[in-house]
Amino acid sequence: MRKFLFFAIISLLLAWPVSTVFAAPPPGGPPGLERAIAVKDRHADALLAIPGVGGVGVGLGEGGKAALVIFTETPGVRGLPVSLEGIPAIVQVSGEFVALAPPEGKGPKNSSPVVNITSPLDGYVYDSGVLINFSGTANDKEDGDLTANLSWKSDGVDIGNGSSFTIVLVDGTHKITASVIDSVGNIGTSSITITVGQSSPSAWWWSRPVPIGVSTGHPDITAGTIGARVKDASGKVYALSNNHVYANENRASIGDNALQPGVYDGGRNPADAIGTLHAFKPIEFSRRANNVIDAAIALSSSVSLGKATPPGGYGTPMSTTATAPIGMPVMKYGRTTGLTRGQVYAIDATVNVRYSAGVARFVHQIVITPGTFSAGGDSGSLIVVDGTVDTRKPVGLLFAGSSSYTIANPIADVLMNFGVTIDGN
């Protein structure tokens, strides 16, 4: 009987298809994770070539097994598979992924006209007596371009009409509103606040050393977030953020100032400099590129830069990092949304991200939910573990997102590129 069972088992093993035997996934990973990543890698180019597809990663499917996640910019994208090489495919409407610059004025989300104030920037500070340029756009589904009909008010008082004009405002803080009425009486509005003749620092300004997680930026951009204080082997300290925050999408020069706060939030150059651009990883703007990080570091000092978030944040990050598995709870502190919590939805994602300079493809990215995890201006935030195990260990550098998802670079790739470590606990 034992001899019969032995030969029966051997026969079954020899008959089992070799192609269905795979290496075990990493500890804590879902069944089939490594195979799903390999299938994703083989098909990412073809999937991203389908109009309307913005990314593809690996997440969880039915039964907690690994599945492909296809992110689309609009509903109803055609030609998408339900599975590839036996791996199920899940379609999620993400919207377009964009680098998270601070938001400008937004119009109503209905059939009313959409108004956008392009100048001045919300929160900007002007010297007394200067001419201030006001400009904006207005569009409507039914009536098209209504920009010429814009009406402008400062603190409820008319100051001008049309797409662009310049005036001098008295010293003080002013609420600026641009509005337009379409042909059926729907009203579209957008509002910002600016300050003229401010003698004290901006409300976004922090005493030195500044905390991490607050407004910062190159003098020629709006504003992003200081992710962390990092240090090299010699002990020099740097402010870590994105290329598009400190290096202006490859346009900056080494030695340019890094401000706190960013210009969008009233930062003044050179008065509010906390460091100088030391290094950045160039972004390749191509849908065929293999970018991994959007990152830059600014040489600073412990006098100018601290290593903890403001009160109410998560505190000081750990110096050792962690790898983000699917489902990991995470948190971040950023310039716009402060302390938020979420979880890793997909890993090893290949995504197309829109910048002012064009679209760039990124590979091996982390995708986080919910949509409220980040917003414009949070670019550069450090993402850390949120939990009793490995809490505050860094896992990613936030740089892009949509209304539903946040995209982050794996932090290990960021730190390795610059030869630095997190200056934390």
Protein backbone atom coordinates (compact mmCIF):
# COMPACT_ATOMS: atom_id res chain seq x y z
CA MET A 1 0.00 0.00 0.00
CA ARG A 2 2.80 2.41 0.92
CA LYS A 3 4.58 1.59 -2.38
CA PHE A 4 1.40 2.35 -4.32
CA LEU A 5 0.95 5.72 -2.57
CA PHE A 6 4.57 6.64 -3.22
CA PHE A 7 4.29 6.06 -6.97
CA ALA A 8 0.90 7.81 -7.10
CA ILE A 9 2.36 10.95 -5.52
CA ILE A 10 5.36 10.90 -7.85
CA SER A 11 3.04 10.57 -10.87
CA LEU A 12 0.98 13.58 -9.75
CA LEU A 13 4.07 15.73 -9.25
CA LEU A 14 5.45 14.85 -12.67
CA ALA A 15 2.11 15.64 -14.31
CA TRP A 16 1.79 19.11 -12.62
CA PRO A 17 2.44 21.93 -15.15
CA VAL A 18 5.75 23.54 -14.31
CA SER A 19 4.54 26.96 -15.55
CA THR A 20 2.12 27.23 -12.63
CA VAL A 21 4.77 26.93 -9.92
CA PHE A 22 6.00 30.34 -8.69
CA ALA A 23 8.27 31.65 -5.99
CA ALA A 24 6.60 32.62 -2.74
CA PRO A 25 5.68 36.32 -2.42
CA PRO A 26 7.46 38.55 0.09
CA PRO A 27 6.35 38.13 3.74
CA GLY A 28 2.98 39.74 4.20
CA GLY A 29 2.34 39.95 0.45
CA PRO A 30 -0.82 38.54 -1.16
CA PRO A 31 -0.74 35.20 -3.03
CA GLY A 32 0.61 35.59 -6.56
CA LEU A 33 2.24 38.96 -5.94
CA GLU A 34 5.53 38.30 -7.73
CA ARG A 35 3.78 36.81 -10.74
CA ALA A 36 1.33 39.72 -10.91
CA ILE A 37 4.24 42.20 -10.88
CA ALA A 38 5.97 40.28 -13.69
CA VAL A 39 2.76 40.25 -15.76
CA LYS A 40 2.27 43.97 -15.12
CA ASP A 41 5.81 44.69 -16.29
CA ARG A 42 5.27 42.76 -19.52
CA HIS A 43 2.01 44.53 -20.38
CA ALA A 44 2.45 48.05 -18.93
CA ASP A 45 3.57 49.63 -22.22
CA ALA A 46 0.64 48.19 -24.15
CA LEU A 47 -1.90 49.19 -21.50
CA LEU A 48 -0.58 52.75 -21.23
CA ALA A 49 -0.78 53.06 -25.02
CA ILE A 50 -4.57 52.72 -24.77
CA PRO A 51 -6.10 56.24 -24.89
CA GLY A 52 -7.41 57.18 -21.46
CA VAL A 53 -5.20 54.84 -19.43
CA GLY A 54 -3.07 56.76 -16.92
CA GLY A 55 -1.41 53.98 -14.97
CA VAL A 56 -1.21 50.32 -14.04
CA GLY A 57 -0.11 48.77 -10.75
CA VAL A 58 -0.59 45.70 -8.57
CA GLY A 59 -3.26 45.61 -5.87
CA LEU A 60 -5.69 43.16 -4.28
CA GLY A 61 -8.42 41.28 -6.10
CA GLU A 62 -11.07 38.82 -4.95
CA GLY A 63 -10.05 36.55 -2.13
CA GLY A 64 -7.14 38.79 -1.22
CA LYS A 65 -5.10 37.61 -4.20
CA ALA A 66 -2.83 39.89 -6.23
CA ALA A 67 -4.45 41.59 -9.22
CA LEU A 68 -3.59 44.17 -11.84
CA VAL A 69 -5.11 47.61 -11.27
CA ILE A 70 -5.65 49.73 -14.39
CA PHE A 71 -6.15 53.44 -13.67
CA THR A 72 -8.16 55.39 -16.23
CA GLU A 73 -8.44 59.15 -16.66
CA THR A 74 -12.12 58.96 -17.69
CA PRO A 75 -14.94 56.42 -17.37
CA GLY A 76 -15.75 54.08 -20.22
CA VAL A 77 -12.26 53.49 -21.62
CA ARG A 78 -12.53 50.73 -24.22
CA GLY A 79 -10.25 47.83 -25.01
CA LEU A 80 -9.29 47.00 -21.41
CA PRO A 81 -8.71 43.35 -20.48
CA VAL A 82 -10.51 41.55 -17.66
CA SER A 83 -7.38 39.46 -17.05
CA LEU A 84 -3.86 39.01 -18.41
CA GLU A 85 -2.02 35.69 -18.30
CA GLY A 86 -4.50 34.50 -15.72
CA ILE A 87 -4.11 37.55 -13.46
CA PRO A 88 -7.42 39.41 -12.98
CA ALA A 89 -7.52 43.10 -13.93
CA ILE A 90 -9.42 45.73 -11.95
CA VAL A 91 -10.33 49.06 -13.56
CA GLN A 92 -10.37 52.18 -11.38
CA VAL A 93 -11.32 55.65 -12.67
CA SER A 94 -8.60 57.81 -11.11
CA GLY A 95 -8.68 60.94 -13.24
CA GLU A 96 -5.44 62.32 -14.64
CA PHE A 97 -2.40 62.12 -12.37
CA VAL A 98 -0.73 65.52 -11.97
CA ALA A 99 2.21 66.92 -10.02
CA LEU A 100 0.59 68.49 -6.95
CA ALA A 101 1.18 72.23 -7.25
CA PRO A 102 -0.98 74.50 -5.08
CA PRO A 103 -4.56 74.84 -6.32
CA GLU A 104 -5.79 78.01 -7.96
CA GLY A 105 -9.35 79.34 -7.80
CA LYS A 106 -11.96 76.80 -8.80
CA GLY A 107 -15.33 77.44 -10.35
CA PRO A 108 -18.57 75.63 -9.50
CA LYS A 109 -18.80 71.92 -10.31
CA ASN A 110 -22.07 72.21 -12.23
CA SER A 111 -23.29 73.83 -15.42
CA SER A 112 -22.27 77.28 -14.21
CA PRO A 113 -19.25 79.00 -15.79
CA VAL A 114 -15.83 77.95 -14.50
CA VAL A 115 -13.73 80.93 -13.42
CA ASN A 116 -9.99 80.72 -12.82
CA ILE A 117 -7.91 83.58 -11.39
CA THR A 118 -4.42 83.30 -12.87
CA SER A 119 -3.00 86.47 -11.28
CA PRO A 120 -2.43 87.37 -8.52
CA LEU A 121 -1.75 84.09 -6.68
CA ASP A 122 -3.79 83.28 -3.60
CA GLY A 123 -1.93 84.43 -0.48
CA TYR A 124 0.62 86.55 -2.33
CA VAL A 125 2.17 89.55 -0.52
CA TYR A 126 2.87 92.85 -2.35
CA ASP A 127 4.86 95.91 -1.36
CA SER A 128 2.96 99.15 -0.79
CA GLY A 129 2.17 101.24 -3.87
CA VAL A 130 3.01 98.65 -6.55
CA LEU A 131 0.89 98.00 -9.64
CA ILE A 132 -0.82 94.62 -9.27
CA ASN A 133 -1.80 92.64 -12.35
CA PHE A 134 -5.22 90.97 -12.30
CA SER A 135 -6.00 88.33 -14.92
CA GLY A 136 -8.20 85.29 -15.27
CA THR A 137 -10.27 83.07 -17.53
CA ALA A 138 -13.93 82.07 -17.66
CA ASN A 139 -15.49 79.25 -19.66
CA ASP A 140 -18.91 77.67 -19.95
CA LYS A 141 -20.07 74.45 -21.63
CA GLU A 142 -22.87 76.20 -23.47
CA ASP A 143 -21.38 79.64 -24.12
CA GLY A 144 -17.68 78.85 -24.48
CA ASP A 145 -15.12 81.54 -23.59
CA LEU A 146 -16.61 84.24 -21.33
CA THR A 147 -13.29 85.74 -20.18
CA ALA A 148 -14.01 89.16 -21.67
CA ASN A 149 -17.09 89.41 -19.43
CA LEU A 150 -15.27 88.92 -16.11
CA SER A 151 -16.16 91.36 -13.31
CA TRP A 152 -13.63 91.95 -10.52
CA LYS A 153 -14.17 93.14 -6.94
CA SER A 154 -11.87 93.82 -4.00
CA ASP A 155 -13.63 93.47 -0.65
CA GLY A 156 -16.96 93.82 -2.47
CA VAL A 157 -15.99 96.99 -4.39
CA ASP A 158 -15.68 96.99 -8.21
CA ILE A 159 -12.07 97.28 -9.39
CA GLY A 160 -12.16 96.26 -13.05
CA ASN A 161 -13.57 94.20 -15.91
CA GLY A 162 -12.27 91.83 -18.55
CA SER A 163 -9.37 89.40 -18.82
CA SER A 164 -6.52 91.59 -17.56
CA PHE A 165 -5.81 94.97 -15.95
CA THR A 166 -3.47 96.57 -13.38
CA ILE A 167 -4.25 98.76 -10.38
CA VAL A 168 -2.76 99.83 -7.05
CA LEU A 169 -4.52 98.68 -3.86
CA VAL A 170 -4.26 100.27 -0.44
CA ASP A 171 -2.31 98.48 2.27
CA GLY A 172 -4.10 95.64 3.98
CA THR A 173 -5.53 92.18 3.33
CA HIS A 174 -8.01 92.02 0.45
CA LYS A 175 -10.48 89.41 -0.76
CA ILE A 176 -10.44 89.42 -4.56
CA THR A 177 -13.42 87.97 -6.45
CA ALA A 178 -13.83 87.40 -10.18
CA SER A 179 -17.28 86.52 -11.48
CA VAL A 180 -19.20 86.05 -14.73
CA ILE A 181 -22.82 85.35 -15.74
CA ASP A 182 -23.66 83.04 -18.65
CA SER A 183 -26.49 83.40 -21.15
CA VAL A 184 -29.04 81.62 -18.94
CA GLY A 185 -28.15 83.46 -15.74
CA ASN A 186 -25.80 80.96 -14.09
CA ILE A 187 -23.04 82.68 -12.10
CA GLY A 188 -19.46 81.48 -11.89
CA THR A 189 -17.08 82.91 -9.26
CA SER A 190 -13.58 82.46 -7.91
CA SER A 191 -11.95 84.16 -4.92
CA ILE A 192 -8.46 84.63 -3.51
CA THR A 193 -6.88 86.67 -0.72
CA ILE A 194 -3.81 88.89 -1.10
CA THR A 195 -1.96 91.26 1.20
CA VAL A 196 -0.47 94.67 0.38
CA GLY A 197 2.16 96.43 2.50
CA GLN A 198 2.67 93.58 4.94
CA SER A 199 5.36 94.48 7.44
CA SER A 200 5.32 91.20 9.38
CA PRO A 201 6.10 87.73 7.98
CA SER A 202 3.47 85.76 6.11
CA ALA A 203 1.10 83.57 8.11
CA TRP A 204 2.84 80.62 6.43
CA TRP A 205 6.21 81.70 7.78
CA TRP A 206 7.78 79.63 10.58
CA SER A 207 10.47 80.75 12.98
CA ARG A 208 13.84 79.14 12.40
CA PRO A 209 14.61 76.27 12.60
CA VAL A 210 11.48 75.56 10.52
CA PRO A 211 9.59 72.29 11.00
CA ILE A 212 9.19 69.72 8.26
CA GLY A 213 5.84 69.40 6.49
CA VAL A 214 5.46 73.15 5.85
CA SER A 215 5.42 75.47 2.83
CA THR A 216 8.60 75.76 0.77
CA GLY A 217 9.75 76.24 -2.81
CA HIS A 218 12.11 77.62 -5.43
CA PRO A 219 11.62 81.38 -6.03
CA ASP A 220 10.18 80.67 -9.48
CA ILE A 221 7.49 78.18 -8.39
CA THR A 222 4.40 78.48 -6.21
CA ALA A 223 4.85 76.24 -3.15
CA GLY A 224 5.31 72.67 -2.04
CA THR A 225 6.26 70.90 1.18
CA ILE A 226 9.47 70.20 3.07
CA GLY A 227 9.46 66.42 3.37
CA ALA A 228 12.27 65.78 5.82
CA ARG A 229 15.66 66.83 7.03
CA VAL A 230 18.25 64.47 5.61
CA LYS A 231 21.99 64.20 6.18
CA ASP A 232 25.01 62.86 4.33
CA ALA A 233 27.98 60.88 5.64
CA SER A 234 29.83 64.07 6.60
CA GLY A 235 26.92 65.30 8.72
CA LYS A 236 25.71 68.08 6.39
CA VAL A 237 21.95 68.53 6.52
CA TYR A 238 19.56 69.16 3.66
CA ALA A 239 15.87 69.88 3.11
CA LEU A 240 14.25 67.10 1.05
CA SER A 241 11.42 67.83 -1.38
CA ASN A 242 10.54 67.28 -5.05
CA ASN A 243 12.37 68.33 -8.19
CA HIS A 244 9.30 70.34 -9.19
CA VAL A 245 9.35 72.10 -5.80
CA TYR A 246 13.07 72.94 -5.46
CA ALA A 247 14.37 72.58 -9.03
CA ASN A 248 11.39 73.96 -10.99
CA GLU A 249 11.05 70.89 -13.25
CA ASN A 250 14.77 70.83 -14.20
CA ARG A 251 14.86 74.60 -14.92
CA ALA A 252 16.68 75.70 -11.74
CA SER A 253 20.41 76.09 -11.22
CA ILE A 254 22.46 74.57 -8.44
CA GLY A 255 22.82 77.23 -5.73
CA ASP A 256 19.35 78.75 -6.24
CA ASN A 257 17.59 79.59 -3.00
CA ALA A 258 15.01 77.37 -1.33
CA LEU A 259 12.43 79.52 0.45
CA GLN A 260 10.21 79.00 3.47
CA PRO A 261 7.42 79.76 2.88
CA GLY A 262 7.09 79.35 -0.88
CA VAL A 263 6.34 82.42 -2.99
CA TYR A 264 2.69 81.36 -3.26
CA ASP A 265 2.44 81.76 0.51
CA GLY A 266 4.27 85.09 0.79
CA GLY A 267 7.88 83.86 0.74
CA ARG A 268 10.42 86.54 -0.21
CA ASN A 269 13.72 85.94 -1.96
CA PRO A 270 16.34 86.09 -0.51
CA ALA A 271 14.93 87.13 2.90
CA ASP A 272 13.14 83.81 3.52
CA ALA A 273 15.80 81.42 2.21
CA ILE A 274 16.50 78.37 4.37
CA GLY A 275 19.03 76.80 2.02
CA THR A 276 20.31 76.46 -1.52
CA LEU A 277 19.61 73.85 -4.18
CA HIS A 278 22.33 71.22 -3.86
CA ALA A 279 21.19 68.39 -6.16
CA PHE A 280 18.15 67.12 -8.05
CA LYS A 281 17.26 64.10 -10.14
CA PRO A 282 16.32 65.34 -13.63
CA ILE A 283 12.85 64.36 -14.81
CA GLU A 284 12.60 62.89 -18.31
CA PHE A 285 9.42 64.21 -19.88
CA SER A 286 8.29 61.32 -22.03
CA ARG A 287 5.55 58.71 -21.95
CA ARG A 288 8.28 56.13 -22.64
CA ALA A 289 10.57 57.25 -19.80
CA ASN A 290 11.44 55.20 -16.73
CA ASN A 291 11.57 57.91 -14.06
CA VAL A 292 11.61 56.55 -10.51
CA ILE A 293 11.88 59.70 -8.40
CA ASP A 294 10.85 63.36 -8.50
CA ALA A 295 13.22 64.66 -5.83
CA ALA A 296 15.70 67.37 -4.88
CA ILE A 297 17.68 68.42 -1.82
CA ALA A 298 18.63 71.90 -0.63
CA LEU A 299 21.74 72.41 1.51
CA SER A 300 20.60 73.86 4.84
CA SER A 301 21.64 73.77 8.50
CA SER A 302 20.25 72.75 11.87
CA VAL A 303 19.88 76.47 12.60
CA SER A 304 17.48 76.92 9.67
CA LEU A 305 15.81 73.52 9.51
CA GLY A 306 14.34 71.23 12.17
CA LYS A 307 13.45 67.56 11.81
CA ALA A 308 9.95 67.29 13.34
CA THR A 309 6.51 68.29 12.07
CA PRO A 310 4.60 71.18 13.65
CA PRO A 311 2.50 70.48 16.77
CA GLY A 312 -0.41 68.27 15.81
CA GLY A 313 1.66 66.35 13.27
CA TYR A 314 3.21 62.90 13.62
CA GLY A 315 6.39 64.30 15.18
CA THR A 316 9.87 63.19 14.13
CA PRO A 317 10.20 60.43 11.51
CA MET A 318 12.34 57.39 12.19
CA SER A 319 15.78 57.25 10.59
CA THR A 320 15.26 53.70 9.29
CA THR A 321 12.89 53.20 6.37
CA ALA A 322 10.30 50.56 5.49
CA THR A 323 8.95 49.03 2.30
CA ALA A 324 5.26 49.68 1.66
CA PRO A 325 3.17 46.53 1.09
CA ILE A 326 -0.39 46.64 -0.22
CA GLY A 327 -2.77 47.65 2.55
CA MET A 328 -0.17 49.29 4.81
CA PRO A 329 -1.63 52.17 6.88
CA VAL A 330 0.32 55.38 6.27
CA MET A 331 0.24 59.05 7.22
CA LYS A 332 1.83 62.31 6.16
CA TYR A 333 2.01 65.96 7.15
CA GLY A 334 1.84 68.44 4.27
CA ARG A 335 1.58 72.15 3.52
CA THR A 336 -2.07 72.05 2.41
CA THR A 337 -3.91 69.23 4.16
CA GLY A 338 -1.76 68.89 7.29
CA LEU A 339 -1.88 65.48 8.97
CA THR A 340 -3.80 62.89 6.97
CA ARG A 341 -4.06 59.11 7.09
CA GLY A 342 -4.56 56.54 4.35
CA GLN A 343 -3.40 53.17 3.12
CA VAL A 344 -1.35 51.73 0.29
CA TYR A 345 -3.74 50.71 -2.49
CA ALA A 346 -1.29 49.51 -5.15
CA ILE A 347 2.45 49.03 -5.52
CA ASP A 348 5.01 48.88 -8.33
CA ALA A 349 2.78 51.17 -10.38
CA THR A 350 3.69 52.63 -13.76
CA VAL A 351 1.95 55.99 -14.17
CA ASN A 352 1.87 58.99 -16.48
CA VAL A 353 2.08 62.30 -14.59
CA ARG A 354 1.35 65.72 -16.07
CA TYR A 355 3.63 68.68 -15.28
CA SER A 356 3.74 72.18 -16.73
CA ALA A 357 6.68 70.98 -18.86
CA GLY A 358 4.83 67.93 -20.21
CA VAL A 359 3.94 64.36 -19.29
CA ALA A 360 6.47 62.07 -17.62
CA ARG A 361 6.18 58.34 -17.04
CA PHE A 362 7.20 56.95 -13.64
CA VAL A 363 7.80 53.33 -12.70
CA HIS A 364 7.81 51.39 -9.38
CA GLN A 365 5.51 53.91 -7.68
CA ILE A 366 3.28 53.63 -4.59
CA VAL A 367 -0.45 54.43 -4.91
CA ILE A 368 -2.33 55.57 -1.79
CA THR A 369 -6.00 56.13 -0.96
CA PRO A 370 -8.29 57.91 -0.13
CA GLY A 371 -8.42 61.01 -2.34
CA THR A 372 -8.38 63.25 0.73
CA PHE A 373 -4.88 62.03 1.64
CA SER A 374 -3.30 64.92 -0.28
CA ALA A 375 -4.01 68.03 -2.31
CA GLY A 376 -2.16 70.67 -4.31
CA GLY A 377 0.80 72.01 -2.35
CA ASP A 378 1.46 68.75 -0.48
CA SER A 379 4.14 67.78 -3.02
CA GLY A 380 7.33 66.80 -1.22
CA SER A 381 5.62 65.46 1.91
CA LEU A 382 7.23 62.47 3.61
CA ILE A 383 4.90 59.47 3.90
CA VAL A 384 5.48 57.31 6.99
CA VAL A 385 4.03 54.16 8.54
CA ASP A 386 0.92 54.70 10.66
CA GLY A 387 0.60 51.88 13.17
CA THR A 388 1.92 50.22 16.29
CA VAL A 389 4.59 48.36 14.31
CA ASP A 390 7.24 50.42 12.48
CA THR A 391 5.32 53.60 13.20
CA ARG A 392 6.82 56.74 11.64
CA LYS A 393 9.23 54.75 9.46
CA PRO A 394 9.43 56.58 6.09
CA VAL A 395 8.08 54.71 3.07
CA GLY A 396 7.57 57.30 0.32
CA LEU A 397 7.98 60.84 -1.01
CA LEU A 398 4.68 62.34 -2.17
CA PHE A 399 4.82 64.04 -5.57
CA ALA A 400 1.63 63.58 -7.59
CA GLY A 401 -1.98 62.51 -7.48
CA SER A 402 -5.55 62.92 -8.64
CA SER A 403 -8.88 63.52 -6.94
CA SER A 404 -8.91 59.86 -5.86
CA TYR A 405 -5.31 58.76 -5.37
CA THR A 406 -1.87 59.94 -4.24
CA ILE A 407 1.37 58.84 -5.93
CA ALA A 408 4.68 58.51 -4.07
CA ASN A 409 8.27 57.56 -4.89
CA PRO A 410 9.71 54.71 -2.79
CA ILE A 411 11.79 56.54 -0.18
CA ALA A 412 14.71 54.11 -0.42
CA ASP A 413 15.24 55.09 -4.08
CA VAL A 414 15.15 58.78 -3.15
CA LEU A 415 17.72 58.49 -0.37
CA MET A 416 20.01 56.24 -2.38
CA ASN A 417 20.05 58.70 -5.28
CA PHE A 418 21.46 61.48 -3.08
CA GLY A 419 23.51 59.33 -0.71
CA VAL A 420 21.65 60.62 2.36
CA THR A 421 19.64 59.26 5.27
CA ILE A 422 16.61 60.58 7.13
CA ASP A 423 17.77 62.76 10.03
CA GLY A 424 15.25 61.48 12.54
CA ASN A 425 14.88 59.24 15.56
